[in-house]
C-alpha atoms as a PDB file:
ATOM      1  CA  MET A   1      78.002  36.652  41.719  1.00  0.00           C
ATOM      2  CA  SER A   2      75.280  39.361  42.115  1.00  0.00           C
ATOM      3  CA  THR A   3      71.709  38.187  42.559  1.00  0.00           C
ATOM      4  CA  ASN A   4      70.044  41.693  42.824  1.00  0.00           C
ATOM      5  CA  PRO A   5      67.451  42.246  40.112  1.00  0.00           C
ATOM      6  CA  ASN A   6      67.605  45.383  37.965  1.00  0.00           C
ATOM      7  CA  PRO A   7      65.743  48.109  39.964  1.00  0.00           C
ATOM      8  CA  ASN A   8      64.868  50.053  36.804  1.00  0.00           C
ATOM      9  CA  PRO A   9      63.572  47.625  34.249  1.00  0.00           C
ATOM     10  CA  ASN A  10      63.340  48.789  30.680  1.00  0.00           C
ATOM     11  CA  PRO A  11      59.938  50.481  30.166  1.00  0.00           C
ATOM     12  CA  ASN A  12      59.782  48.887  26.746  1.00  0.00           C
ATOM     13  CA  THR A  13      59.540  45.473  28.405  1.00  0.00           C
ATOM     14  CA  ARG A  14      56.263  46.451  30.130  1.00  0.00           C
ATOM     15  CA  SER A  15      53.018  45.213  28.744  1.00  0.00           C
ATOM     16  CA  TRP A  16      50.985  47.674  26.686  1.00  0.00           C
ATOM     17  CA  PRO A  17      48.119  47.949  29.265  1.00  0.00           C
ATOM     18  CA  LEU A  18      50.669  48.966  31.927  1.00  0.00           C
ATOM     19  CA  ARG A  19      52.307  51.474  29.602  1.00  0.00           C
ATOM     20  CA  ALA A  20      48.894  52.980  28.779  1.00  0.00           C
ATOM     21  CA  ALA A  21      48.022  53.259  32.463  1.00  0.00           C
ATOM     22  CA  VAL A  22      51.338  54.995  33.236  1.00  0.00           C
ATOM     23  CA  ALA A  23      50.829  57.448  30.353  1.00  0.00           C
ATOM     24  CA  ILE A  24      47.310  58.275  31.512  1.00  0.00           C
ATOM     25  CA  TRP A  25      48.589  58.789  35.060  1.00  0.00           C
ATOM     26  CA  HIS A  26      51.337  61.167  33.938  1.00  0.00           C
ATOM     27  CA  GLY A  27      48.840  63.048  31.766  1.00  0.00           C
ATOM     28  CA  LEU A  28      46.404  63.496  34.644  1.00  0.00           C
ATOM     29  CA  ASP A  29      49.241  64.651  36.895  1.00  0.00           C
ATOM     30  CA  ARG A  30      50.308  67.303  34.379  1.00  0.00           C
ATOM     31  CA  LEU A  31      46.674  68.404  34.017  1.00  0.00           C
ATOM     32  CA  ARG A  32      46.354  68.705  37.810  1.00  0.00           C
ATOM     33  CA  ARG A  33      49.457  70.856  38.062  1.00  0.00           C
ATOM     34  CA  GLY A  34      48.275  73.014  35.172  1.00  0.00           C
ATOM     35  CA  LEU A  35      44.861  73.561  36.784  1.00  0.00           C
ATOM     36  CA  HIS A  36      46.487  74.437  40.111  1.00  0.00           C
ATOM     37  CA  LEU A  37      48.691  76.986  38.358  1.00  0.00           C
ATOM     38  CA  LEU A  38      45.683  78.526  36.595  1.00  0.00           C
ATOM     39  CA  LEU A  39      43.797  78.719  39.900  1.00  0.00           C
ATOM     40  CA  LEU A  40      46.699  80.464  41.638  1.00  0.00           C
ATOM     41  CA  LEU A  41      47.084  82.898  38.756  1.00  0.00           C
ATOM     42  CA  GLY A  42      43.356  83.663  38.873  1.00  0.00           C
ATOM     43  CA  ILE A  43      43.451  84.361  42.608  1.00  0.00           C
ATOM     44  CA  LEU A  44      46.547  86.549  42.188  1.00  0.00           C
ATOM     45  CA  LEU A  45      44.873  88.478  39.379  1.00  0.00           C
ATOM     46  CA  LEU A  46      41.730  88.962  41.467  1.00  0.00           C
ATOM     47  CA  VAL A  47      43.750  90.289  44.417  1.00  0.00           C
ATOM     48  CA  LEU A  48      45.712  92.663  42.166  1.00  0.00           C
ATOM     49  CA  VAL A  49      42.523  93.995  40.571  1.00  0.00           C
ATOM     50  CA  SER A  50      40.913  94.559  43.987  1.00  0.00           C
ATOM     51  CA  LEU A  51      44.008  96.367  45.270  1.00  0.00           C
ATOM     52  CA  ILE A  52      44.711  98.487  42.206  1.00  0.00           C
ATOM     53  CA  GLY A  53      41.126  99.081  41.135  1.00  0.00           C
ATOM     54  CA  GLU A  54      39.948 100.817  38.027  1.00  0.00           C
ATOM     55  CA  ARG A  55      41.780 103.953  36.998  1.00  0.00           C
ATOM     56  CA  VAL A  56      39.332 106.822  37.144  1.00  0.00           C
ATOM     57  CA  PHE A  57      39.751 109.960  35.084  1.00  0.00           C
ATOM     58  CA  VAL A  58      38.869 113.174  36.920  1.00  0.00           C
ATOM     59  CA  PRO A  59      37.704 115.936  34.534  1.00  0.00           C
ATOM     60  CA  SER A  60      39.002 119.470  34.941  1.00  0.00           C
ATOM     61  CA  LYS A  61      35.502 120.458  36.112  1.00  0.00           C
ATOM     62  CA  ALA A  62      33.517 117.853  38.017  1.00  0.00           C
ATOM     63  CA  ALA A  63      31.218 117.325  40.976  1.00  0.00           C
ATOM     64  CA  LEU A  64      32.025 114.961  43.832  1.00  0.00           C
ATOM     65  CA  VAL A  65      28.988 112.719  44.290  1.00  0.00           C
ATOM     66  CA  ILE A  66      28.393 111.439  47.828  1.00  0.00           C
ATOM     67  CA  ALA A  67      25.998 108.524  47.299  1.00  0.00           C
ATOM     68  CA  PRO A  68      26.281 106.197  50.318  1.00  0.00           C
ATOM     69  CA  GLU A  69      24.773 102.730  50.067  1.00  0.00           C
ATOM     70  CA  GLY A  70      23.236 101.021  53.075  1.00  0.00           C
ATOM     71  CA  ALA A  71      24.221 101.997  56.594  1.00  0.00           C
ATOM     72  CA  LEU A  72      26.970 104.477  57.408  1.00  0.00           C
ATOM     73  CA  VAL A  73      29.402 102.563  59.628  1.00  0.00           C
ATOM     74  CA  ASP A  74      32.779 103.027  61.288  1.00  0.00           C
ATOM     75  CA  GLN A  75      34.075  99.709  59.953  1.00  0.00           C
ATOM     76  CA  LEU A  76      32.810  97.535  57.126  1.00  0.00           C
ATOM     77  CA  SER A  77      31.630  93.999  57.880  1.00  0.00           C
ATOM     78  CA  GLY A  78      33.830  91.055  56.964  1.00  0.00           C
ATOM     79  CA  ASP A  79      37.481  91.046  55.944  1.00  0.00           C
ATOM     80  CA  PRO A  80      38.948  92.796  52.882  1.00  0.00           C
ATOM     81  CA  LEU A  81      39.245  89.539  50.902  1.00  0.00           C
ATOM     82  CA  GLN A  82      35.570  88.718  51.400  1.00  0.00           C
ATOM     83  CA  ARG A  83      34.576  92.219  50.310  1.00  0.00           C
ATOM     84  CA  ALA A  84      36.849  91.992  47.253  1.00  0.00           C
ATOM     85  CA  LEU A  85      35.324  88.650  46.247  1.00  0.00           C
ATOM     86  CA  ALA A  86      31.807  90.008  46.767  1.00  0.00           C
ATOM     87  CA  ARG A  87      32.653  93.043  44.671  1.00  0.00           C
ATOM     88  CA  ALA A  88      34.066  90.846  41.894  1.00  0.00           C
ATOM     89  CA  ARG A  89      30.804  88.877  41.861  1.00  0.00           C
ATOM     90  CA  GLY A  90      28.781  92.080  41.766  1.00  0.00           C
ATOM     91  CA  ASN A  91      27.447  91.602  45.314  1.00  0.00           C
ATOM     92  CA  ARG A  92      28.663  94.683  47.113  1.00  0.00           C
ATOM     93  CA  VAL A  93      28.242  95.006  50.864  1.00  0.00           C
ATOM     94  CA  GLN A  94      25.368  97.346  51.675  1.00  0.00           C
ATOM     95  CA  GLU A  95      27.492  99.487  53.960  1.00  0.00           C
ATOM     96  CA  THR A  96      29.476 102.677  53.561  1.00  0.00           C
ATOM     97  CA  ALA A  97      32.570 103.438  55.601  1.00  0.00           C
ATOM     98  CA  LEU A  98      32.388 106.810  57.314  1.00  0.00           C
ATOM     99  CA  ARG A  99      36.104 107.382  56.752  1.00  0.00           C
ATOM    100  CA  ASP A 100      35.685 107.066  52.975  1.00  0.00           C
ATOM    101  CA  VAL A 101      33.111 109.870  52.946  1.00  0.00           C
ATOM    102  CA  LEU A 102      35.146 112.129  55.221  1.00  0.00           C
ATOM    103  CA  ASP A 103      38.386 111.576  53.286  1.00  0.00           C
ATOM    104  CA  ALA A 104      36.660 112.348  49.994  1.00  0.00           C
ATOM    105  CA  LEU A 105      35.229 115.612  51.309  1.00  0.00           C
ATOM    106  CA  ARG A 106      38.590 116.671  52.755  1.00  0.00           C
ATOM    107  CA  ALA A 107      40.369 115.936  49.497  1.00  0.00           C
ATOM    108  CA  ALA A 108      37.719 117.660  47.355  1.00  0.00           C
ATOM    109  CA  ARG A 109      37.939 120.809  49.459  1.00  0.00           C
ATOM    110  CA  THR A 110      41.360 121.727  48.042  1.00  0.00           C
ATOM    111  CA  ASP A 111      41.118 119.974  44.662  1.00  0.00           C
ATOM    112  CA  ASN A 112      40.591 122.649  42.011  1.00  0.00           C
ATOM    113  CA  ARG A 113      39.009 120.136  39.646  1.00  0.00           C
ATOM    114  CA  ILE A 114      36.075 119.602  42.034  1.00  0.00           C
ATOM    115  CA  LYS A 115      33.568 122.437  41.617  1.00  0.00           C
ATOM    116  CA  GLY A 116      30.921 121.197  44.020  1.00  0.00           C
ATOM    117  CA  VAL A 117      29.468 118.310  46.011  1.00  0.00           C
ATOM    118  CA  VAL A 118      26.252 116.454  45.210  1.00  0.00           C
ATOM    119  CA  LEU A 119      24.534 114.512  47.992  1.00  0.00           C
ATOM    120  CA  ASP A 120      22.545 111.686  46.393  1.00  0.00           C
ATOM    121  CA  LEU A 121      21.060 110.119  49.502  1.00  0.00           C
ATOM    122  CA  ASP A 122      18.426 107.692  48.212  1.00  0.00           C
ATOM    123  CA  GLY A 123      20.648 104.694  49.018  1.00  0.00           C
ATOM    124  CA  LEU A 124      21.390 105.680  52.641  1.00  0.00           C
ATOM    125  CA  SER A 125      19.420 103.338  54.911  1.00  0.00           C
ATOM    126  CA  GLY A 126      20.541 104.723  58.254  1.00  0.00           C
ATOM    127  CA  ALA A 127      23.317 106.178  60.386  1.00  0.00           C
ATOM    128  CA  GLY A 128      24.003 107.101  63.974  1.00  0.00           C
ATOM    129  CA  LEU A 129      23.637 110.750  64.856  1.00  0.00           C
ATOM    130  CA  SER A 130      27.323 111.082  65.754  1.00  0.00           C
ATOM    131  CA  LYS A 131      28.323 109.835  62.289  1.00  0.00           C
ATOM    132  CA  LEU A 132      25.908 112.251  60.626  1.00  0.00           C
ATOM    133  CA  GLN A 133      27.410 115.074  62.662  1.00  0.00           C
ATOM    134  CA  ASP A 134      30.920 114.125  61.520  1.00  0.00           C
ATOM    135  CA  VAL A 135      29.828 114.308  57.881  1.00  0.00           C
ATOM    136  CA  ALA A 136      28.016 117.595  58.531  1.00  0.00           C
ATOM    137  CA  LYS A 137      31.211 119.135  59.913  1.00  0.00           C
ATOM    138  CA  GLU A 138      33.130 118.166  56.786  1.00  0.00           C
ATOM    139  CA  LEU A 139      30.355 119.526  54.582  1.00  0.00           C
ATOM    140  CA  GLU A 140      30.493 122.827  56.443  1.00  0.00           C
ATOM    141  CA  ALA A 141      34.270 122.943  56.005  1.00  0.00           C
ATOM    142  CA  PHE A 142      33.825 122.185  52.305  1.00  0.00           C
ATOM    143  CA  LYS A 143      31.357 125.059  51.904  1.00  0.00           C
ATOM    144  CA  GLN A 144      33.926 127.415  53.415  1.00  0.00           C
ATOM    145  CA  SER A 145      35.951 126.883  50.226  1.00  0.00           C
ATOM    146  CA  GLY A 146      33.186 128.671  48.300  1.00  0.00           C
ATOM    147  CA  LYS A 147      32.031 125.564  46.436  1.00  0.00           C
ATOM    148  CA  PRO A 148      28.317 124.669  46.443  1.00  0.00           C
ATOM    149  CA  VAL A 149      26.739 121.619  48.059  1.00  0.00           C
ATOM    150  CA  THR A 150      23.540 120.298  46.483  1.00  0.00           C
ATOM    151  CA  ALA A 151      21.274 117.570  47.889  1.00  0.00           C
ATOM    152  CA  ILE A 152      19.026 115.569  45.579  1.00  0.00           C
ATOM    153  CA  GLY A 153      16.606 112.724  46.196  1.00  0.00           C
ATOM    154  CA  ASP A 154      13.290 111.139  45.371  1.00  0.00           C
ATOM    155  CA  GLY A 155      12.418 111.667  49.032  1.00  0.00           C
ATOM    156  CA  PHE A 156      14.154 111.954  52.385  1.00  0.00           C
ATOM    157  CA  THR A 157      13.992 109.926  55.580  1.00  0.00           C
ATOM    158  CA  ARG A 158      15.115 111.263  58.938  1.00  0.00           C
ATOM    159  CA  ASP A 159      18.806 110.380  58.555  1.00  0.00           C
ATOM    160  CA  GLN A 160      18.888 111.298  54.876  1.00  0.00           C
ATOM    161  CA  TYR A 161      17.404 114.690  55.587  1.00  0.00           C
ATOM    162  CA  TYR A 162      19.980 115.477  58.287  1.00  0.00           C
ATOM    163  CA  LEU A 163      22.702 115.429  55.621  1.00  0.00           C
ATOM    164  CA  ALA A 164      20.499 117.086  53.002  1.00  0.00           C
ATOM    165  CA  ALA A 165      19.857 119.980  55.390  1.00  0.00           C
ATOM    166  CA  GLN A 166      23.571 120.821  55.321  1.00  0.00           C
ATOM    167  CA  ALA A 167      23.395 121.570  51.586  1.00  0.00           C
ATOM    168  CA  ASP A 168      23.004 124.985  49.995  1.00  0.00           C
ATOM    169  CA  LYS A 169      20.108 123.694  47.893  1.00  0.00           C
ATOM    170  CA  ILE A 170      17.777 120.718  48.314  1.00  0.00           C
ATOM    171  CA  TYR A 171      15.981 119.353  45.255  1.00  0.00           C
ATOM    172  CA  MET A 172      13.317 116.664  45.605  1.00  0.00           C
ATOM    173  CA  HIS A 173      11.160 114.780  43.125  1.00  0.00           C
ATOM    174  CA  PRO A 174       7.600 116.139  42.772  1.00  0.00           C
ATOM    175  CA  MET A 175       6.242 112.795  44.007  1.00  0.00           C
ATOM    176  CA  GLY A 176       8.510 112.646  47.054  1.00  0.00           C
ATOM    177  CA  GLN A 177       8.116 113.352  50.750  1.00  0.00           C
ATOM    178  CA  VAL A 178      10.217 114.287  53.759  1.00  0.00           C
ATOM    179  CA  LEU A 179       9.581 111.781  56.541  1.00  0.00           C
ATOM    180  CA  ILE A 180      10.905 113.030  59.877  1.00  0.00           C
ATOM    181  CA  ASP A 181       9.451 110.953  62.696  1.00  0.00           C
ATOM    182  CA  GLY A 182      11.861 111.470  65.574  1.00  0.00           C
ATOM    183  CA  TYR A 183      13.662 108.661  67.385  1.00  0.00           C
ATOM    184  CA  GLY A 184      12.139 105.537  68.884  1.00  0.00           C
ATOM    185  CA  ARG A 185      13.041 102.205  70.432  1.00  0.00           C
ATOM    186  CA  PHE A 186      11.050  99.069  69.750  1.00  0.00           C
ATOM    187  CA  LEU A 187      11.668  95.641  71.275  1.00  0.00           C
ATOM    188  CA  PRO A 188       9.972  92.251  70.837  1.00  0.00           C
ATOM    189  CA  TYR A 189       8.701  90.596  74.024  1.00  0.00           C
ATOM    190  CA  TYR A 190       8.426  86.807  74.357  1.00  0.00           C
ATOM    191  CA  LYS A 191       7.101  86.015  77.856  1.00  0.00           C
ATOM    192  CA  SER A 192       3.701  84.694  76.741  1.00  0.00           C
ATOM    193  CA  ALA A 193       5.208  82.799  73.813  1.00  0.00           C
ATOM    194  CA  LEU A 194       7.748  81.096  76.085  1.00  0.00           C
ATOM    195  CA  GLU A 195       5.001  80.087  78.501  1.00  0.00           C
ATOM    196  CA  LYS A 196       2.924  78.554  75.690  1.00  0.00           C
ATOM    197  CA  PHE A 197       5.893  76.442  74.649  1.00  0.00           C
ATOM    198  CA  TYR A 198       6.569  75.488  78.311  1.00  0.00           C
ATOM    199  CA  ILE A 199      10.102  76.922  78.184  1.00  0.00           C
ATOM    200  CA  ASP A 200      11.621  77.486  81.607  1.00  0.00           C
ATOM    201  CA  TYR A 201      14.250  80.131  82.319  1.00  0.00           C
ATOM    202  CA  ASN A 202      16.009  81.557  85.348  1.00  0.00           C
ATOM    203  CA  VAL A 203      16.837  85.244  85.703  1.00  0.00           C
ATOM    204  CA  TRP A 204      18.539  87.058  88.562  1.00  0.00           C
ATOM    205  CA  THR A 205      18.615  90.850  88.632  1.00  0.00           C
ATOM    206  CA  VAL A 206      19.601  93.434  91.217  1.00  0.00           C
ATOM    207  CA  GLY A 207      18.087  96.910  91.096  1.00  0.00           C
ATOM    208  CA  GLU A 208      15.263  98.466  89.091  1.00  0.00           C
ATOM    209  CA  TYR A 209      16.853  99.570  85.822  1.00  0.00           C
ATOM    210  CA  LYS A 210      17.668  96.121  84.408  1.00  0.00           C
ATOM    211  CA  SER A 211      15.920  96.036  81.058  1.00  0.00           C
ATOM    212  CA  PHE A 212      18.225  93.616  79.254  1.00  0.00           C
ATOM    213  CA  VAL A 213      16.169  90.561  80.250  1.00  0.00           C
ATOM    214  CA  GLU A 214      12.744  92.190  79.913  1.00  0.00           C
ATOM    215  CA  PRO A 215      12.045  90.697  76.452  1.00  0.00           C
ATOM    216  CA  ILE A 216      11.794  87.252  78.073  1.00  0.00           C
ATOM    217  CA  THR A 217      10.353  88.284  81.446  1.00  0.00           C
ATOM    218  CA  ARG A 218       7.661  90.714  80.255  1.00  0.00           C
ATOM    219  CA  ASP A 219       5.126  91.286  77.507  1.00  0.00           C
ATOM    220  CA  ASP A 220       5.608  95.053  77.455  1.00  0.00           C
ATOM    221  CA  MET A 221       8.097  97.755  78.352  1.00  0.00           C
ATOM    222  CA  SER A 222       8.535  98.483  82.038  1.00  0.00           C
ATOM    223  CA  ALA A 223       8.171 101.994  83.444  1.00  0.00           C
ATOM    224  CA  GLN A 224      11.867 102.022  84.339  1.00  0.00           C
ATOM    225  CA  ASP A 225      12.952 101.049  80.815  1.00  0.00           C
ATOM    226  CA  ARG A 226      10.596 103.610  79.331  1.00  0.00           C
ATOM    227  CA  GLU A 227      12.055 106.301  81.575  1.00  0.00           C
ATOM    228  CA  ALA A 228      15.663 105.378  80.787  1.00  0.00           C
ATOM    229  CA  SER A 229      14.999 105.121  77.038  1.00  0.00           C
ATOM    230  CA  SER A 230      13.199 108.449  76.993  1.00  0.00           C
ATOM    231  CA  VAL A 231      16.263 110.199  78.393  1.00  0.00           C
ATOM    232  CA  PHE A 232      18.635 109.296  75.566  1.00  0.00           C
ATOM    233  CA  LEU A 233      15.986 109.340  72.825  1.00  0.00           C
ATOM    234  CA  LYS A 234      14.948 112.869  73.763  1.00  0.00           C
ATOM    235  CA  ALA A 235      18.627 113.881  73.829  1.00  0.00           C
ATOM    236  CA  LEU A 236      19.093 112.503  70.310  1.00  0.00           C
ATOM    237  CA  TRP A 237      15.942 114.186  69.027  1.00  0.00           C
ATOM    238  CA  GLY A 238      16.889 117.466  70.664  1.00  0.00           C
ATOM    239  CA  ALA A 239      20.358 117.444  69.096  1.00  0.00           C
ATOM    240  CA  TYR A 240      18.865 116.516  65.724  1.00  0.00           C
ATOM    241  CA  GLN A 241      16.422 119.434  65.838  1.00  0.00           C
ATOM    242  CA  VAL A 242      19.102 121.925  66.846  1.00  0.00           C
ATOM    243  CA  ASP A 243      21.432 120.898  64.028  1.00  0.00           C
ATOM    244  CA  VAL A 244      18.807 120.716  61.267  1.00  0.00           C
ATOM    245  CA  THR A 245      16.892 123.876  62.140  1.00  0.00           C
ATOM    246  CA  ALA A 246      20.159 125.815  62.375  1.00  0.00           C
ATOM    247  CA  ALA A 247      21.311 124.511  58.995  1.00  0.00           C
ATOM    248  CA  ARG A 248      17.982 125.329  57.299  1.00  0.00           C
ATOM    249  CA  LYS A 249      17.401 128.532  59.293  1.00  0.00           C
ATOM    250  CA  LEU A 250      14.046 127.287  60.587  1.00  0.00           C
ATOM    251  CA  PRO A 251      12.339 128.121  63.901  1.00  0.00           C
ATOM    252  CA  ALA A 252      13.615 126.012  66.794  1.00  0.00           C
ATOM    253  CA  ASP A 253      10.323 124.104  67.143  1.00  0.00           C
ATOM    254  CA  ALA A 254       9.719 123.662  63.404  1.00  0.00           C
ATOM    255  CA  LEU A 255      10.581 119.956  63.250  1.00  0.00           C
ATOM    256  CA  GLN A 256       8.614 119.153  66.400  1.00  0.00           C
ATOM    257  CA  ARG A 257       5.519 120.800  64.913  1.00  0.00           C
ATOM    258  CA  TYR A 258       6.149 119.062  61.589  1.00  0.00           C
ATOM    259  CA  ALA A 259       6.195 115.670  63.325  1.00  0.00           C
ATOM    260  CA  ASP A 260       3.300 116.351  65.710  1.00  0.00           C
ATOM    261  CA  ASP A 261       0.956 118.119  63.292  1.00  0.00           C
ATOM    262  CA  ALA A 262       1.726 116.149  60.143  1.00  0.00           C
ATOM    263  CA  VAL A 263      -1.944 115.331  59.471  1.00  0.00           C
ATOM    264  CA  SER A 264      -3.205 118.902  59.699  1.00  0.00           C
ATOM    265  CA  LEU A 265      -0.225 120.287  57.777  1.00  0.00           C
ATOM    266  CA  LEU A 266      -0.779 117.747  55.020  1.00  0.00           C
ATOM    267  CA  ALA A 267      -4.452 118.707  54.800  1.00  0.00           C
ATOM    268  CA  GLN A 268      -3.438 122.340  54.301  1.00  0.00           C
ATOM    269  CA  ALA A 269      -1.198 121.214  51.418  1.00  0.00           C
ATOM    270  CA  ASP A 270      -4.150 119.382  49.798  1.00  0.00           C
ATOM    271  CA  GLY A 271      -2.559 116.023  50.581  1.00  0.00           C
ATOM    272  CA  ASP A 272       0.551 116.789  48.534  1.00  0.00           C
ATOM    273  CA  THR A 273       3.585 115.698  50.568  1.00  0.00           C
ATOM    274  CA  ALA A 274       6.056 117.331  48.183  1.00  0.00           C
ATOM    275  CA  LYS A 275       4.217 120.657  48.267  1.00  0.00           C
ATOM    276  CA  LEU A 276       4.148 120.459  52.072  1.00  0.00           C
ATOM    277  CA  ALA A 277       7.941 120.021  52.160  1.00  0.00           C
ATOM    278  CA  VAL A 278       8.437 123.114  49.988  1.00  0.00           C
ATOM    279  CA  ASP A 279       5.879 125.275  51.825  1.00  0.00           C
ATOM    280  CA  TYR A 280       7.376 124.300  55.176  1.00  0.00           C
ATOM    281  CA  GLY A 281      10.890 125.239  54.078  1.00  0.00           C
ATOM    282  CA  LEU A 282      12.345 121.739  54.174  1.00  0.00           C
ATOM    283  CA  VAL A 283      13.001 121.602  50.415  1.00  0.00           C
ATOM    284  CA  ASP A 284      13.995 124.384  48.052  1.00  0.00           C
ATOM    285  CA  GLU A 285      12.532 123.128  44.796  1.00  0.00           C
ATOM    286  CA  LEU A 286      10.721 120.171  43.233  1.00  0.00           C
ATOM    287  CA  LEU A 287      12.501 118.838  40.156  1.00  0.00           C
ATOM    288  CA  THR A 288      12.578 115.689  38.099  1.00  0.00           C
ATOM    289  CA  ARG A 289      15.836 113.780  37.868  1.00  0.00           C
ATOM    290  CA  ASP A 290      16.601 115.248  34.439  1.00  0.00           C
ATOM    291  CA  ALA A 291      16.017 118.764  35.749  1.00  0.00           C
ATOM    292  CA  MET A 292      18.211 118.045  38.775  1.00  0.00           C
ATOM    293  CA  ARG A 293      21.094 116.958  36.560  1.00  0.00           C
ATOM    294  CA  LYS A 294      20.719 120.040  34.380  1.00  0.00           C
ATOM    295  CA  ARG A 295      20.673 122.333  37.430  1.00  0.00           C
ATOM    296  CA  ILE A 296      23.844 120.735  38.801  1.00  0.00           C
ATOM    297  CA  ARG A 297      25.537 120.859  35.396  1.00  0.00           C
ATOM    298  CA  ASP A 298      24.822 124.575  35.179  1.00  0.00           C
ATOM    299  CA  SER A 299      26.158 125.183  38.698  1.00  0.00           C
ATOM    300  CA  ILE A 300      29.512 123.464  38.104  1.00  0.00           C
ATOM    301  CA  GLY A 301      29.812 124.537  34.479  1.00  0.00           C
ATOM    302  CA  ALA A 302      30.654 121.117  33.045  1.00  0.00           C
ATOM    303  CA  SER A 303      28.623 118.560  31.137  1.00  0.00           C
ATOM    304  CA  GLY A 304      29.161 114.830  31.260  1.00  0.00           C
ATOM    305  CA  ARG A 305      30.407 113.935  27.800  1.00  0.00           C
ATOM    306  CA  GLY A 306      29.414 110.464  26.720  1.00  0.00           C
ATOM    307  CA  LYS A 307      26.892 110.123  29.545  1.00  0.00           C
ATOM    308  CA  PRO A 308      23.575 108.343  28.904  1.00  0.00           C
ATOM    309  CA  HIS A 309      21.692 111.600  29.510  1.00  0.00           C
ATOM    310  CA  ALA A 310      22.442 114.682  27.445  1.00  0.00           C
ATOM    311  CA  ASP A 311      21.978 116.914  30.486  1.00  0.00           C
ATOM    312  CA  ASP A 312      24.209 114.846  32.772  1.00  0.00           C
ATOM    313  CA  PHE A 313      27.191 116.408  34.541  1.00  0.00           C
ATOM    314  CA  ALA A 314      30.834 115.450  34.972  1.00  0.00           C
ATOM    315  CA  LYS A 315      31.237 113.617  38.247  1.00  0.00           C
ATOM    316  CA  ILE A 316      33.418 111.406  40.404  1.00  0.00           C
ATOM    317  CA  GLY A 317      32.200 109.093  43.171  1.00  0.00           C
ATOM    318  CA  PHE A 318      33.435 109.448  46.727  1.00  0.00           C
ATOM    319  CA  GLU A 319      34.846 105.886  46.519  1.00  0.00           C
ATOM    320  CA  GLU A 320      37.472 107.201  44.069  1.00  0.00           C
ATOM    321  CA  ASN A 321      38.815 109.807  46.480  1.00  0.00           C
ATOM    322  CA  GLY A 322      42.303 108.382  45.927  1.00  0.00           C
ATOM    323  CA  GLU A 323      42.226 110.095  42.527  1.00  0.00           C
ATOM    324  CA  LEU A 324      41.818 113.480  44.194  1.00  0.00           C
ATOM    325  CA  GLU A 325      44.610 115.704  45.403  1.00  0.00           C
ATOM    326  CA  ASN A 326      44.692 114.796  49.088  1.00  0.00           C
ATOM    327  CA  PRO A 327      45.878 117.430  51.541  1.00  0.00           C
ATOM    328  CA  ALA A 328      48.312 116.602  54.306  1.00  0.00           C
ATOM    329  CA  MET A 329      46.876 114.243  56.895  1.00  0.00           C
ATOM    330  CA  THR A 330      45.973 115.768  60.243  1.00  0.00           C
ATOM    331  CA  LEU A 331      46.660 113.701  63.350  1.00  0.00           C
ATOM    332  CA  TYR A 332      44.444 114.047  66.397  1.00  0.00           C
ATOM    333  CA  VAL A 333      44.889 113.389  70.092  1.00  0.00           C
ATOM    334  CA  TYR A 334      42.428 113.410  72.958  1.00  0.00           C
ATOM    335  CA  LYS A 335      42.938 116.102  75.563  1.00  0.00           C
ATOM    336  CA  ASP A 336      40.564 116.583  78.473  1.00  0.00           C
ATOM    337  CA  GLY A 337      38.082 114.289  76.751  1.00  0.00           C
ATOM    338  CA  LYS A 338      38.078 116.295  73.504  1.00  0.00           C
ATOM    339  CA  LYS A 339      39.641 115.482  70.132  1.00  0.00           C
ATOM    340  CA  VAL A 340      42.099 118.201  69.153  1.00  0.00           C
ATOM    341  CA  PRO A 341      44.660 118.408  66.293  1.00  0.00           C
ATOM    342  CA  MET A 342      48.185 117.343  67.215  1.00  0.00           C
ATOM    343  CA  ASN A 343      50.792 120.075  66.819  1.00  0.00           C
END
């Protein structure tokens, strides 16, 4: 005779509170699985949108707009997923990848739909000189195709003006200014502050040119650090002057005089910084934004239909360079310390 109880009792024999609890549990479990599925689908959709991006239509006549935001860098901060999420939230990283700018210029050079390049540099916060030189080389190669390069801006800082100087024409707002102040190096020094807070530290150095620890061991820059910094800062400033004056066909010492004699030069221009930039040959013409757009539209021969401004021009951003007709990729190797194309 079997004495084992039935392992699966009839659910109908359960009391109604137990049956209600089981039903609620199964309902919550189904809801959990449904929410998980919706979450996974949302993440998948977000990844697909970030990878595919918005399809951009390139008009038959358009200008490639180079409008970098933030610093010009070799590699963007964070990983691609973080950047995609930030972009989806509308919080774009204030950086521009150098490769994106270079690739766009290379592609636009041979794309017949692109009739010119517009450098809108108001958003550029800074860049190393070597990166600016890389962009300048691509701009020069682009101009060899016979297409114009136009620089526009409400004003120009040192790094912004380096790129603007490579353009065929530079247009600036009548209330703007060109601020070229050379290169400098500024460090905070904490020795006195550390002493007031009774913070002890131990530093061992060998030799004279050891400036890394000076912010905590001194209240000012040492003569050795000043000497070492002057060497590379003067080299940067010298290279900057050579490149810009050659591009704008200015005297070799023009930028040095502009930086040193800014007060007297501004007095001669009646205190008008924009007029000074034009008289000194740094800017070609002073135009409002509407006039700039009209001038560019006339140069490329295409208006921007459906744009918020009637005088706007057809354009494509450098971020959409994948829509352009890319030429064959050139591979490079280093030979004797120089980068040369691979055969």
